[in-house]
Amino acid sequence: MAHKHIATVHPLPSSILHNSAGVRSHHTRAAAKIAVQFMSRKMRSFNRKAVAVTDITQMQGGH
């Protein structure tokens, strides 16, 4: 069975690598950070599209 590893900017010290609770919390933080970045990108994209639609509606006379 293959394991999926999350690449992080900061390598873990060996003391943390052998502490399962520390590893879980580190990976949880890394996954949460990735999720927040993903949602931020989606929201920015959504907001840009909403502004574009609003601009088109105003140019057409506000229907």
N, C-alpha and C. Protein backbone atom coordinates (compact mmCIF):
# COMPACT_ATOMS: atom_id res chain seq x y z
N MET A 1 0.84 -1.18 0.00
CA MET A 1 0.00 0.00 0.00
C MET A 1 0.89 1.25 0.00
N ALA A 2 0.62 2.13 -0.95
CA ALA A 2 1.44 3.34 -1.07
C ALA A 2 0.95 4.40 -0.10
N HIS A 3 1.87 5.17 0.46
CA HIS A 3 1.53 6.25 1.38
C HIS A 3 1.72 7.57 0.66
N LYS A 4 0.82 8.49 0.92
CA LYS A 4 0.91 9.82 0.33
C LYS A 4 1.56 10.74 1.34
N HIS A 5 2.64 11.40 0.96
CA HIS A 5 3.34 12.29 1.88
C HIS A 5 3.11 13.73 1.47
N ILE A 6 2.89 14.58 2.45
CA ILE A 6 2.73 16.00 2.18
C ILE A 6 4.11 16.66 2.28
N ALA A 7 4.52 17.30 1.20
CA ALA A 7 5.82 17.98 1.20
C ALA A 7 5.68 19.29 1.96
N THR A 8 6.59 19.53 2.86
CA THR A 8 6.56 20.78 3.62
C THR A 8 7.85 21.55 3.38
N VAL A 9 7.79 22.84 3.61
CA VAL A 9 8.95 23.70 3.41
C VAL A 9 10.01 23.40 4.48
N HIS A 10 9.55 23.16 5.71
CA HIS A 10 10.47 22.93 6.82
C HIS A 10 10.61 21.44 7.09
N PRO A 11 11.81 20.89 6.97
CA PRO A 11 11.97 19.47 7.29
C PRO A 11 11.74 19.23 8.78
N LEU A 12 11.22 18.06 9.08
CA LEU A 12 10.93 17.73 10.48
C LEU A 12 12.17 17.22 11.18
N PRO A 13 12.43 17.65 12.40
CA PRO A 13 13.52 17.05 13.16
C PRO A 13 13.19 15.60 13.49
N SER A 14 14.21 14.77 13.66
CA SER A 14 13.98 13.35 13.87
C SER A 14 13.17 13.07 15.12
N SER A 15 13.27 13.94 16.14
CA SER A 15 12.49 13.71 17.36
C SER A 15 10.99 13.75 17.08
N ILE A 16 10.57 14.62 16.14
CA ILE A 16 9.15 14.71 15.79
C ILE A 16 8.76 13.53 14.90
N LEU A 17 9.67 13.11 14.04
CA LEU A 17 9.35 12.02 13.13
C LEU A 17 8.98 10.74 13.86
N HIS A 18 9.48 10.57 15.08
CA HIS A 18 9.20 9.34 15.82
C HIS A 18 8.10 9.54 16.85
N ASN A 19 7.43 10.68 16.78
CA ASN A 19 6.35 10.96 17.71
C ASN A 19 5.07 11.06 16.88
N SER A 20 4.23 10.02 16.92
CA SER A 20 3.08 9.97 16.02
C SER A 20 2.10 11.13 16.23
N ALA A 21 1.88 11.57 17.46
CA ALA A 21 0.97 12.69 17.71
C ALA A 21 1.53 13.96 17.07
N GLY A 22 2.84 14.16 17.19
CA GLY A 22 3.47 15.33 16.58
C GLY A 22 3.37 15.30 15.07
N VAL A 23 3.55 14.12 14.51
CA VAL A 23 3.45 13.97 13.05
C VAL A 23 2.03 14.26 12.59
N ARG A 24 1.06 13.71 13.32
CA ARG A 24 -0.34 13.95 12.94
C ARG A 24 -0.68 15.43 13.00
N SER A 25 -0.26 16.09 14.06
CA SER A 25 -0.61 17.51 14.18
C SER A 25 0.09 18.34 13.09
N HIS A 26 1.33 17.97 12.77
CA HIS A 26 2.05 18.68 11.71
C HIS A 26 1.34 18.51 10.37
N HIS A 27 0.96 17.29 10.06
CA HIS A 27 0.29 17.03 8.79
C HIS A 27 -1.10 17.65 8.77
N THR A 28 -1.76 17.69 9.92
CA THR A 28 -3.07 18.34 9.99
C THR A 28 -2.93 19.83 9.71
N ARG A 29 -1.92 20.46 10.30
CA ARG A 29 -1.69 21.89 10.04
C ARG A 29 -1.37 22.13 8.57
N ALA A 30 -0.52 21.28 8.00
CA ALA A 30 -0.15 21.43 6.60
C ALA A 30 -1.37 21.27 5.69
N ALA A 31 -2.20 20.27 5.98
CA ALA A 31 -3.40 20.04 5.17
C ALA A 31 -4.38 21.20 5.32
N ALA A 32 -4.52 21.73 6.53
CA ALA A 32 -5.42 22.87 6.76
C ALA A 32 -4.94 24.09 5.98
N LYS A 33 -3.63 24.30 5.98
CA LYS A 33 -3.07 25.45 5.25
C LYS A 33 -3.35 25.32 3.75
N ILE A 34 -3.17 24.11 3.22
CA ILE A 34 -3.43 23.87 1.80
C ILE A 34 -4.90 24.10 1.49
N ALA A 35 -5.79 23.63 2.37
CA ALA A 35 -7.23 23.80 2.17
C ALA A 35 -7.62 25.28 2.17
N VAL A 36 -7.03 26.05 3.09
CA VAL A 36 -7.34 27.49 3.17
C VAL A 36 -6.87 28.20 1.91
N GLN A 37 -5.67 27.84 1.43
CA GLN A 37 -5.17 28.46 0.20
C GLN A 37 -6.08 28.13 -0.98
N PHE A 38 -6.54 26.88 -1.05
CA PHE A 38 -7.43 26.45 -2.13
C PHE A 38 -8.72 27.26 -2.10
N MET A 39 -9.32 27.37 -0.91
CA MET A 39 -10.58 28.11 -0.78
C MET A 39 -10.38 29.59 -1.10
N SER A 40 -9.25 30.15 -0.72
CA SER A 40 -8.98 31.56 -1.01
C SER A 40 -8.92 31.79 -2.52
N ARG A 41 -8.25 30.87 -3.22
CA ARG A 41 -8.19 30.99 -4.69
C ARG A 41 -9.57 30.90 -5.30
N LYS A 42 -10.39 29.96 -4.81
CA LYS A 42 -11.74 29.80 -5.35
C LYS A 42 -12.58 31.04 -5.09
N MET A 43 -12.48 31.61 -3.90
CA MET A 43 -13.26 32.79 -3.57
C MET A 43 -12.83 33.99 -4.42
N ARG A 44 -11.52 34.15 -4.63
CA ARG A 44 -11.04 35.24 -5.48
C ARG A 44 -11.60 35.09 -6.90
N SER A 45 -11.56 33.86 -7.41
CA SER A 45 -12.07 33.59 -8.75
C SER A 45 -13.57 33.90 -8.82
N PHE A 46 -14.31 33.44 -7.82
CA PHE A 46 -15.75 33.69 -7.77
C PHE A 46 -16.03 35.19 -7.72
N ASN A 47 -15.28 35.92 -6.90
CA ASN A 47 -15.50 37.37 -6.77
C ASN A 47 -15.20 38.09 -8.08
N ARG A 48 -14.14 37.67 -8.77
CA ARG A 48 -13.82 38.29 -10.06
C ARG A 48 -14.95 38.07 -11.05
N LYS A 49 -15.49 36.85 -11.09
CA LYS A 49 -16.60 36.55 -12.02
C LYS A 49 -17.84 37.35 -11.64
N ALA A 50 -18.12 37.48 -10.35
CA ALA A 50 -19.29 38.23 -9.90
C ALA A 50 -19.17 39.70 -10.29
N VAL A 51 -17.98 40.26 -10.16
CA VAL A 51 -17.76 41.66 -10.54
C VAL A 51 -17.93 41.82 -12.04
N ALA A 52 -17.43 40.87 -12.83
CA ALA A 52 -17.57 40.95 -14.28
C ALA A 52 -19.04 40.89 -14.68
N VAL A 53 -19.82 40.03 -14.07
CA VAL A 53 -21.25 39.93 -14.37
C VAL A 53 -21.96 41.21 -13.97
N THR A 54 -21.61 41.77 -12.83
CA THR A 54 -22.22 43.03 -12.37
C THR A 54 -21.92 44.16 -13.35
N ASP A 55 -20.67 44.22 -13.83
CA ASP A 55 -20.29 45.26 -14.79
C ASP A 55 -21.09 45.13 -16.08
N ILE A 56 -21.27 43.91 -16.57
CA ILE A 56 -22.01 43.69 -17.82
C ILE A 56 -23.46 44.09 -17.61
N THR A 57 -24.04 43.73 -16.48
CA THR A 57 -25.44 44.07 -16.19
C THR A 57 -25.62 45.59 -16.15
N GLN A 58 -24.70 46.30 -15.56
CA GLN A 58 -24.82 47.76 -15.47
C GLN A 58 -24.68 48.40 -16.85
N MET A 59 -23.84 47.84 -17.70
CA MET A 59 -23.68 48.41 -19.05
C MET A 59 -24.92 48.16 -19.89
N GLN A 60 -25.68 47.10 -19.59
CA GLN A 60 -26.88 46.78 -20.38
C GLN A 60 -28.10 47.54 -19.87
N GLY A 61 -27.94 48.35 -18.89
CA GLY A 61 -29.05 49.15 -18.41
C GLY A 61 -29.65 48.63 -17.12
N GLY A 62 -29.02 47.69 -16.48
CA GLY A 62 -29.45 47.23 -15.16
C GLY A 62 -30.64 46.30 -15.17
N HIS A 63 -30.81 45.48 -16.20
CA HIS A 63 -31.93 44.53 -16.24
C HIS A 63 -31.73 43.45 -15.21
